Amino acid sequence: YSASKKEEFLQEFIKQQSEEGLRFDPGKGYAY
């Protein structure tokens, strides 16, 4: 969250998102 560059946060987010996957198919559910 306090990464000095947004790119650093985005890279880590993309990496983890790729590893963990989605909660549900886009448009097929609701989750805050």
PDB file of all heavy atoms in Angstrom:
ATOM      1  N   TYR A   1       0.821  -1.210   0.000  1.00  0.00           N
ATOM      2  CA  TYR A   1       0.000   0.000   0.000  1.00  0.00           C
ATOM      3  C   TYR A   1       0.854   1.259   0.000  1.00  0.00           C
ATOM      4  O   TYR A   1       0.520   2.237  -0.619  1.00  0.00           O
ATOM      5  CB  TYR A   1      -0.919   0.042   1.219  1.00  0.00           C
ATOM      6  CG  TYR A   1      -2.160  -0.803   1.117  1.00  0.00           C
ATOM      7  CD1 TYR A   1      -2.926  -1.034   2.231  1.00  0.00           C
ATOM      8  CD2 TYR A   1      -2.572  -1.366  -0.084  1.00  0.00           C
ATOM      9  CE1 TYR A   1      -4.076  -1.805   2.163  1.00  0.00           C
ATOM     10  CE2 TYR A   1      -3.706  -2.132  -0.163  1.00  0.00           C
ATOM     11  CZ  TYR A   1      -4.460  -2.351   0.966  1.00  0.00           C
ATOM     12  OH  TYR A   1      -5.589  -3.103   0.891  1.00  0.00           O
ATOM     13  N   SER A   2       1.958   1.216   0.730  1.00  0.00           N
ATOM     14  CA  SER A   2       2.799   2.407   0.819  1.00  0.00           C
ATOM     15  C   SER A   2       3.968   2.343  -0.167  1.00  0.00           C
ATOM     16  O   SER A   2       4.962   3.026   0.012  1.00  0.00           O
ATOM     17  CB  SER A   2       3.322   2.563   2.246  1.00  0.00           C
ATOM     18  OG  SER A   2       4.122   1.442   2.586  1.00  0.00           O
ATOM     19  N   ALA A   3       3.832   1.503  -1.188  1.00  0.00           N
ATOM     20  CA  ALA A   3       4.898   1.394  -2.188  1.00  0.00           C
ATOM     21  C   ALA A   3       5.213   2.777  -2.746  1.00  0.00           C
ATOM     22  O   ALA A   3       4.323   3.596  -2.953  1.00  0.00           O
ATOM     23  CB  ALA A   3       4.466   0.455  -3.314  1.00  0.00           C
ATOM     24  N   SER A   4       6.490   3.010  -2.958  1.00  0.00           N
ATOM     25  CA  SER A   4       6.893   4.325  -3.449  1.00  0.00           C
ATOM     26  C   SER A   4       6.421   4.548  -4.883  1.00  0.00           C
ATOM     27  O   SER A   4       6.285   5.675  -5.319  1.00  0.00           O
ATOM     28  CB  SER A   4       8.407   4.488  -3.351  1.00  0.00           C
ATOM     29  OG  SER A   4       9.042   3.466  -4.088  1.00  0.00           O
ATOM     30  N   LYS A   5       6.154   3.492  -5.608  1.00  0.00           N
ATOM     31  CA  LYS A   5       5.679   3.623  -6.977  1.00  0.00           C
ATOM     32  C   LYS A   5       4.439   2.767  -7.172  1.00  0.00           C
ATOM     33  O   LYS A   5       4.386   1.617  -6.734  1.00  0.00           O
ATOM     34  CB  LYS A   5       6.759   3.184  -7.962  1.00  0.00           C
ATOM     35  CG  LYS A   5       7.990   4.067  -7.931  1.00  0.00           C
ATOM     36  CD  LYS A   5       8.972   3.640  -8.982  1.00  0.00           C
ATOM     37  CE  LYS A   5      10.183   4.567  -8.918  1.00  0.00           C
ATOM     38  NZ  LYS A   5      11.227   4.176  -9.817  1.00  0.00           N
ATOM     39  N   LYS A   6       3.462   3.314  -7.859  1.00  0.00           N
ATOM     40  CA  LYS A   6       2.241   2.560  -8.141  1.00  0.00           C
ATOM     41  C   LYS A   6       2.549   1.323  -8.964  1.00  0.00           C
ATOM     42  O   LYS A   6       1.883   0.307  -8.836  1.00  0.00           O
ATOM     43  CB  LYS A   6       1.233   3.443  -8.861  1.00  0.00           C
ATOM     44  CG  LYS A   6       0.669   4.513  -7.982  1.00  0.00           C
ATOM     45  CD  LYS A   6      -0.334   5.348  -8.722  1.00  0.00           C
ATOM     46  CE  LYS A   6      -0.830   6.390  -7.757  1.00  0.00           C
ATOM     47  NZ  LYS A   6      -0.721   7.721  -8.200  1.00  0.00           N
ATOM     48  N   GLU A   7       3.581   1.406  -9.808  1.00  0.00           N
ATOM     49  CA  GLU A   7       3.947   0.278 -10.652  1.00  0.00           C
ATOM     50  C   GLU A   7       4.352  -0.926  -9.788  1.00  0.00           C
ATOM     51  O   GLU A   7       4.050  -2.065 -10.121  1.00  0.00           O
ATOM     52  CB  GLU A   7       5.099   0.653 -11.591  1.00  0.00           C
ATOM     53  CG  GLU A   7       4.720   1.689 -12.633  1.00  0.00           C
ATOM     54  CD  GLU A   7       4.716   3.124 -12.097  1.00  0.00           C
ATOM     55  OE1 GLU A   7       5.340   3.421 -11.048  1.00  0.00           O
ATOM     56  OE2 GLU A   7       4.044   3.959 -12.734  1.00  0.00           O
ATOM     57  N   GLU A   8       5.014  -0.652  -8.669  1.00  0.00           N
ATOM     58  CA  GLU A   8       5.434  -1.726  -7.758  1.00  0.00           C
ATOM     59  C   GLU A   8       4.211  -2.431  -7.189  1.00  0.00           C
ATOM     60  O   GLU A   8       4.151  -3.659  -7.155  1.00  0.00           O
ATOM     61  CB  GLU A   8       6.287  -1.139  -6.636  1.00  0.00           C
ATOM     62  CG  GLU A   8       6.800  -2.159  -5.653  1.00  0.00           C
ATOM     63  CD  GLU A   8       7.575  -1.522  -4.510  1.00  0.00           C
ATOM     64  OE1 GLU A   8       7.878  -0.313  -4.570  1.00  0.00           O
ATOM     65  OE2 GLU A   8       7.869  -2.234  -3.549  1.00  0.00           O
ATOM     66  N   PHE A   9       3.217  -1.650  -6.773  1.00  0.00           N
ATOM     67  CA  PHE A   9       1.988  -2.234  -6.242  1.00  0.00           C
ATOM     68  C   PHE A   9       1.283  -3.022  -7.345  1.00  0.00           C
ATOM     69  O   PHE A   9       0.848  -4.154  -7.128  1.00  0.00           O
ATOM     70  CB  PHE A   9       1.047  -1.156  -5.700  1.00  0.00           C
ATOM     71  CG  PHE A   9      -0.232  -1.714  -5.141  1.00  0.00           C
ATOM     72  CD1 PHE A   9      -0.335  -2.023  -3.796  1.00  0.00           C
ATOM     73  CD2 PHE A   9      -1.319  -1.960  -5.960  1.00  0.00           C
ATOM     74  CE1 PHE A   9      -1.514  -2.544  -3.278  1.00  0.00           C
ATOM     75  CE2 PHE A   9      -2.498  -2.491  -5.457  1.00  0.00           C
ATOM     76  CZ  PHE A   9      -2.591  -2.778  -4.109  1.00  0.00           C
ATOM     77  N   LEU A  10       1.168  -2.431  -8.527  1.00  0.00           N
ATOM     78  CA  LEU A  10       0.467  -3.079  -9.628  1.00  0.00           C
ATOM     79  C   LEU A  10       1.141  -4.396 -10.009  1.00  0.00           C
ATOM     80  O   LEU A  10       0.463  -5.403 -10.217  1.00  0.00           O
ATOM     81  CB  LEU A  10       0.380  -2.149 -10.839  1.00  0.00           C
ATOM     82  CG  LEU A  10      -0.391  -2.695 -12.045  1.00  0.00           C
ATOM     83  CD1 LEU A  10      -1.844  -2.995 -11.666  1.00  0.00           C
ATOM     84  CD2 LEU A  10      -0.334  -1.704 -13.193  1.00  0.00           C
ATOM     85  N   GLN A  11       2.471  -4.413 -10.070  1.00  0.00           N
ATOM     86  CA  GLN A  11       3.189  -5.644 -10.406  1.00  0.00           C
ATOM     87  C   GLN A  11       2.901  -6.746  -9.391  1.00  0.00           C
ATOM     88  O   GLN A  11       2.643  -7.892  -9.761  1.00  0.00           O
ATOM     89  CB  GLN A  11       4.690  -5.384 -10.483  1.00  0.00           C
ATOM     90  CG  GLN A  11       5.105  -4.598 -11.697  1.00  0.00           C
ATOM     91  CD  GLN A  11       6.549  -4.136 -11.619  1.00  0.00           C
ATOM     92  OE1 GLN A  11       7.272  -4.435 -10.667  1.00  0.00           O
ATOM     93  NE2 GLN A  11       6.976  -3.378 -12.614  1.00  0.00           N
ATOM     94  N   GLU A  12       2.941  -6.399  -8.113  1.00  0.00           N
ATOM     95  CA  GLU A  12       2.674  -7.389  -7.070  1.00  0.00           C
ATOM     96  C   GLU A  12       1.220  -7.841  -7.118  1.00  0.00           C
ATOM     97  O   GLU A  12       0.911  -9.023  -6.975  1.00  0.00           O
ATOM     98  CB  GLU A  12       3.023  -6.827  -5.689  1.00  0.00           C
ATOM     99  CG  GLU A  12       2.861  -7.829  -4.558  1.00  0.00           C
ATOM    100  CD  GLU A  12       3.770  -9.047  -4.671  1.00  0.00           C
ATOM    101  OE1 GLU A  12       4.800  -9.011  -5.373  1.00  0.00           O
ATOM    102  OE2 GLU A  12       3.442 -10.070  -4.029  1.00  0.00           O
ATOM    103  N   PHE A  13       0.307  -6.897  -7.342  1.00  0.00           N
ATOM    104  CA  PHE A  13      -1.115  -7.233  -7.428  1.00  0.00           C
ATOM    105  C   PHE A  13      -1.368  -8.191  -8.590  1.00  0.00           C
ATOM    106  O   PHE A  13      -2.041  -9.208  -8.442  1.00  0.00           O
ATOM    107  CB  PHE A  13      -1.960  -5.968  -7.588  1.00  0.00           C
ATOM    108  CG  PHE A  13      -3.410  -6.255  -7.834  1.00  0.00           C
ATOM    109  CD1 PHE A  13      -4.218  -6.698  -6.802  1.00  0.00           C
ATOM    110  CD2 PHE A  13      -3.960  -6.111  -9.099  1.00  0.00           C
ATOM    111  CE1 PHE A  13      -5.556  -6.979  -7.022  1.00  0.00           C
ATOM    112  CE2 PHE A  13      -5.291  -6.388  -9.326  1.00  0.00           C
ATOM    113  CZ  PHE A  13      -6.094  -6.830  -8.282  1.00  0.00           C
ATOM    114  N   ILE A  14      -0.809  -7.889  -9.754  1.00  0.00           N
ATOM    115  CA  ILE A  14      -1.002  -8.738 -10.931  1.00  0.00           C
ATOM    116  C   ILE A  14      -0.437 -10.130 -10.683  1.00  0.00           C
ATOM    117  O   ILE A  14      -1.068 -11.142 -11.011  1.00  0.00           O
ATOM    118  CB  ILE A  14      -0.364  -8.092 -12.182  1.00  0.00           C
ATOM    119  CG1 ILE A  14      -1.196  -6.873 -12.611  1.00  0.00           C
ATOM    120  CG2 ILE A  14      -0.243  -9.092 -13.314  1.00  0.00           C
ATOM    121  CD1 ILE A  14      -0.540  -6.030 -13.701  1.00  0.00           C
ATOM    122  N   LYS A  15       0.743 -10.200 -10.078  1.00  0.00           N
ATOM    123  CA  LYS A  15       1.366 -11.488  -9.779  1.00  0.00           C
ATOM    124  C   LYS A  15       0.463 -12.323  -8.876  1.00  0.00           C
ATOM    125  O   LYS A  15       0.167 -13.484  -9.162  1.00  0.00           O
ATOM    126  CB  LYS A  15       2.727 -11.267  -9.118  1.00  0.00           C
ATOM    127  CG  LYS A  15       3.427 -12.529  -8.682  1.00  0.00           C
ATOM    128  CD  LYS A  15       4.758 -12.200  -8.008  1.00  0.00           C
ATOM    129  CE  LYS A  15       5.273 -13.414  -7.298  1.00  0.00           C
ATOM    130  NZ  LYS A  15       5.482 -13.212  -5.887  1.00  0.00           N
ATOM    131  N   GLN A  16       0.011 -11.725  -7.779  1.00  0.00           N
ATOM    132  CA  GLN A  16      -0.817 -12.484  -6.848  1.00  0.00           C
ATOM    133  C   GLN A  16      -2.190 -12.789  -7.441  1.00  0.00           C
ATOM    134  O   GLN A  16      -2.738 -13.860  -7.217  1.00  0.00           O
ATOM    135  CB  GLN A  16      -0.944 -11.736  -5.526  1.00  0.00           C
ATOM    136  CG  GLN A  16       0.348 -11.758  -4.740  1.00  0.00           C
ATOM    137  CD  GLN A  16       0.143 -11.365  -3.296  1.00  0.00           C
ATOM    138  OE1 GLN A  16      -0.951 -11.467  -2.757  1.00  0.00           O
ATOM    139  NE2 GLN A  16       1.198 -10.925  -2.649  1.00  0.00           N
ATOM    140  N   GLN A  17      -2.742 -11.861  -8.208  1.00  0.00           N
ATOM    141  CA  GLN A  17      -4.049 -12.101  -8.838  1.00  0.00           C
ATOM    142  C   GLN A  17      -3.952 -13.292  -9.787  1.00  0.00           C
ATOM    143  O   GLN A  17      -4.833 -14.144  -9.824  1.00  0.00           O
ATOM    144  CB  GLN A  17      -4.521 -10.856  -9.591  1.00  0.00           C
ATOM    145  CG  GLN A  17      -5.907 -10.985 -10.168  1.00  0.00           C
ATOM    146  CD  GLN A  17      -6.973 -11.101  -9.106  1.00  0.00           C
ATOM    147  OE1 GLN A  17      -7.104 -10.258  -8.249  1.00  0.00           O
ATOM    148  NE2 GLN A  17      -7.733 -12.162  -9.146  1.00  0.00           N
ATOM    149  N   SER A  18      -2.851 -13.358 -10.532  1.00  0.00           N
ATOM    150  CA  SER A  18      -2.646 -14.463 -11.459  1.00  0.00           C
ATOM    151  C   SER A  18      -2.545 -15.792 -10.715  1.00  0.00           C
ATOM    152  O   SER A  18      -3.040 -16.811 -11.178  1.00  0.00           O
ATOM    153  CB  SER A  18      -1.388 -14.240 -12.296  1.00  0.00           C
ATOM    154  OG  SER A  18      -1.544 -13.095 -13.096  1.00  0.00           O
ATOM    155  N   GLU A  19      -1.891 -15.768  -9.544  1.00  0.00           N
ATOM    156  CA  GLU A  19      -1.724 -16.996  -8.760  1.00  0.00           C
ATOM    157  C   GLU A  19      -3.019 -17.423  -8.075  1.00  0.00           C
ATOM    158  O   GLU A  19      -3.332 -18.616  -8.019  1.00  0.00           O
ATOM    159  CB  GLU A  19      -0.640 -16.791  -7.692  1.00  0.00           C
ATOM    160  CG  GLU A  19       0.749 -16.638  -8.249  1.00  0.00           C
ATOM    161  CD  GLU A  19       1.771 -16.200  -7.215  1.00  0.00           C
ATOM    162  OE1 GLU A  19       1.413 -16.005  -6.027  1.00  0.00           O
ATOM    163  OE2 GLU A  19       2.942 -16.024  -7.603  1.00  0.00           O
ATOM    164  N   GLU A  20      -3.795 -16.460  -7.572  1.00  0.00           N
ATOM    165  CA  GLU A  20      -4.978 -16.795  -6.765  1.00  0.00           C
ATOM    166  C   GLU A  20      -6.277 -16.842  -7.558  1.00  0.00           C
ATOM    167  O   GLU A  20      -7.246 -17.428  -7.109  1.00  0.00           O
ATOM    168  CB  GLU A  20      -5.098 -15.814  -5.605  1.00  0.00           C
ATOM    169  CG  GLU A  20      -3.918 -15.921  -4.648  1.00  0.00           C
ATOM    170  CD  GLU A  20      -4.048 -15.009  -3.445  1.00  0.00           C
ATOM    171  OE1 GLU A  20      -5.172 -14.623  -3.100  1.00  0.00           O
ATOM    172  OE2 GLU A  20      -3.008 -14.701  -2.860  1.00  0.00           O
ATOM    173  N   GLY A  21      -6.302 -16.196  -8.706  1.00  0.00           N
ATOM    174  CA  GLY A  21      -7.503 -16.226  -9.530  1.00  0.00           C
ATOM    175  C   GLY A  21      -8.626 -15.351  -9.003  1.00  0.00           C
ATOM    176  O   GLY A  21      -8.491 -14.639  -8.010  1.00  0.00           O
ATOM    177  N   LEU A  22      -9.745 -15.400  -9.695  1.00  0.00           N
ATOM    178  CA  LEU A  22     -10.908 -14.585  -9.355  1.00  0.00           C
ATOM    179  C   LEU A  22     -11.786 -15.256  -8.308  1.00  0.00           C
ATOM    180  O   LEU A  22     -11.756 -16.476  -8.150  1.00  0.00           O
ATOM    181  CB  LEU A  22     -11.741 -14.335 -10.615  1.00  0.00           C
ATOM    182  CG  LEU A  22     -11.059 -13.563 -11.743  1.00  0.00           C
ATOM    183  CD1 LEU A  22     -11.920 -13.596 -12.998  1.00  0.00           C
ATOM    184  CD2 LEU A  22     -10.786 -12.136 -11.320  1.00  0.00           C
ATOM    185  N   ARG A  23     -12.609 -14.471  -7.643  1.00  0.00           N
ATOM    186  CA  ARG A  23     -13.600 -15.003  -6.704  1.00  0.00           C
ATOM    187  C   ARG A  23     -14.748 -15.678  -7.456  1.00  0.00           C
ATOM    188  O   ARG A  23     -15.324 -16.640  -6.992  1.00  0.00           O
ATOM    189  CB  ARG A  23     -14.210 -13.885  -5.862  1.00  0.00           C
ATOM    190  CG  ARG A  23     -13.272 -13.228  -4.909  1.00  0.00           C
ATOM    191  CD  ARG A  23     -14.015 -12.114  -4.197  1.00  0.00           C
ATOM    192  NE  ARG A  23     -13.152 -11.463  -3.244  1.00  0.00           N
ATOM    193  CZ  ARG A  23     -13.517 -10.411  -2.526  1.00  0.00           C
ATOM    194  NH1 ARG A  23     -14.709  -9.885  -2.669  1.00  0.00           N
ATOM    195  NH2 ARG A  23     -12.678  -9.872  -1.674  1.00  0.00           N
ATOM    196  N   PHE A  24     -15.099 -15.101  -8.622  1.00  0.00           N
ATOM    197  CA  PHE A  24     -16.182 -15.607  -9.465  1.00  0.00           C
ATOM    198  C   PHE A  24     -15.992 -15.041 -10.863  1.00  0.00           C
ATOM    199  O   PHE A  24     -15.180 -14.135 -11.075  1.00  0.00           O
ATOM    200  CB  PHE A  24     -17.557 -15.213  -8.905  1.00  0.00           C
ATOM    201  CG  PHE A  24     -17.699 -13.743  -8.593  1.00  0.00           C
ATOM    202  CD1 PHE A  24     -17.972 -12.804  -9.586  1.00  0.00           C
ATOM    203  CD2 PHE A  24     -17.542 -13.283  -7.280  1.00  0.00           C
ATOM    204  CE1 PHE A  24     -18.081 -11.458  -9.291  1.00  0.00           C
ATOM    205  CE2 PHE A  24     -17.665 -11.928  -6.982  1.00  0.00           C
ATOM    206  CZ  PHE A  24     -17.935 -11.008  -7.993  1.00  0.00           C
ATOM    207  N   ASP A  25     -16.718 -15.579 -11.823  1.00  0.00           N
ATOM    208  CA  ASP A  25     -16.624 -15.071 -13.188  1.00  0.00           C
ATOM    209  C   ASP A  25     -17.096 -13.621 -13.225  1.00  0.00           C
ATOM    210  O   ASP A  25     -18.143 -13.292 -12.643  1.00  0.00           O
ATOM    211  CB  ASP A  25     -17.485 -15.906 -14.140  1.00  0.00           C
ATOM    212  CG  ASP A  25     -16.923 -17.294 -14.374  1.00  0.00           C
ATOM    213  OD1 ASP A  25     -15.700 -17.482 -14.190  1.00  0.00           O
ATOM    214  OD2 ASP A  25     -17.696 -18.191 -14.752  1.00  0.00           O
ATOM    215  N   PRO A  26     -16.356 -12.753 -13.911  1.00  0.00           N
ATOM    216  CA  PRO A  26     -16.742 -11.335 -13.989  1.00  0.00           C
ATOM    217  C   PRO A  26     -18.182 -11.148 -14.455  1.00  0.00           C
ATOM    218  O   PRO A  26     -18.631 -11.786 -15.408  1.00  0.00           O
ATOM    219  CB  PRO A  26     -15.748 -10.769 -15.012  1.00  0.00           C
ATOM    220  CG  PRO A  26     -14.550 -11.664 -14.891  1.00  0.00           C
ATOM    221  CD  PRO A  26     -15.118 -13.026 -14.636  1.00  0.00           C
ATOM    222  N   GLY A  27     -18.899 -10.292 -13.706  1.00  0.00           N
ATOM    223  CA  GLY A  27     -20.290  -9.997 -14.030  1.00  0.00           C
ATOM    224  C   GLY A  27     -21.282 -11.013 -13.514  1.00  0.00           C
ATOM    225  O   GLY A  27     -22.491 -10.845 -13.670  1.00  0.00           O
ATOM    226  N   LYS A  28     -20.800 -12.070 -12.872  1.00  0.00           N
ATOM    227  CA  LYS A  28     -21.684 -13.165 -12.419  1.00  0.00           C
ATOM    228  C   LYS A  28     -21.883 -13.202 -10.907  1.00  0.00           C
ATOM    229  O   LYS A  28     -22.430 -14.148 -10.377  1.00  0.00           O
ATOM    230  CB  LYS A  28     -21.126 -14.525 -12.868  1.00  0.00           C
ATOM    231  CG  LYS A  28     -20.909 -14.642 -14.334  1.00  0.00           C
ATOM    232  CD  LYS A  28     -22.209 -14.657 -15.091  1.00  0.00           C
ATOM    233  CE  LYS A  28     -21.928 -14.851 -16.565  1.00  0.00           C
ATOM    234  NZ  LYS A  28     -23.059 -14.572 -17.391  1.00  0.00           N
ATOM    235  N   GLY A  29     -21.438 -12.178 -10.202  1.00  0.00           N
ATOM    236  CA  GLY A  29     -21.594 -12.164  -8.753  1.00  0.00           C
ATOM    237  C   GLY A  29     -21.317 -10.774  -8.214  1.00  0.00           C
ATOM    238  O   GLY A  29     -21.124  -9.812  -8.970  1.00  0.00           O
ATOM    239  N   TYR A  30     -21.295 -10.699  -6.897  1.00  0.00           N
ATOM    240  CA  TYR A  30     -21.007  -9.437  -6.211  1.00  0.00           C
ATOM    241  C   TYR A  30     -20.098  -9.743  -5.032  1.00  0.00           C
ATOM    242  O   TYR A  30     -20.347 -10.670  -4.258  1.00  0.00           O
ATOM    243  CB  TYR A  30     -22.295  -8.777  -5.685  1.00  0.00           C
ATOM    244  CG  TYR A  30     -22.008  -7.597  -4.773  1.00  0.00           C
ATOM    245  CD1 TYR A  30     -21.828  -6.332  -5.298  1.00  0.00           C
ATOM    246  CD2 TYR A  30     -21.866  -7.767  -3.391  1.00  0.00           C
ATOM    247  CE1 TYR A  30     -21.528  -5.247  -4.481  1.00  0.00           C
ATOM    248  CE2 TYR A  30     -21.568  -6.692  -2.565  1.00  0.00           C
ATOM    249  CZ  TYR A  30     -21.401  -5.441  -3.110  1.00  0.00           C
ATOM    250  OH  TYR A  30     -21.096  -4.376  -2.302  1.00  0.00           O
ATOM    251  N   ALA A  31     -19.029  -8.970  -4.902  1.00  0.00           N
ATOM    252  CA  ALA A  31     -18.165  -9.036  -3.718  1.00  0.00           C
ATOM    253  C   ALA A  31     -17.466  -7.687  -3.595  1.00  0.00           C
ATOM    254  O   ALA A  31     -16.818  -7.221  -4.540  1.00  0.00           O
ATOM    255  CB  ALA A  31     -17.139 -10.157  -3.839  1.00  0.00           C
ATOM    256  N   TYR A  32     -17.648  -7.062  -2.448  1.00  0.00           N
ATOM    257  CA  TYR A  32     -17.009  -5.772  -2.170  1.00  0.00           C
ATOM    258  C   TYR A  32     -15.546  -5.857  -2.565  1.00  0.00           C
ATOM    259  O   TYR A  32     -14.855  -6.800  -2.187  1.00  0.00           O
ATOM    260  CB  TYR A  32     -17.162  -5.468  -0.680  1.00  0.00           C
ATOM    261  CG  TYR A  32     -16.721  -4.088  -0.290  1.00  0.00           C
ATOM    262  CD1 TYR A  32     -17.562  -3.003  -0.489  1.00  0.00           C
ATOM    263  CD2 TYR A  32     -15.486  -3.879   0.300  1.00  0.00           C
ATOM    264  CE1 TYR A  32     -17.167  -1.724  -0.112  1.00  0.00           C
ATOM    265  CE2 TYR A  32     -15.088  -2.611   0.688  1.00  0.00           C
ATOM    266  CZ  TYR A  32     -15.934  -1.539   0.474  1.00  0.00           C
ATOM    267  OH  TYR A  32     -15.539  -0.286   0.839  1.00  0.00           O
TER     268      TYR A  32
END
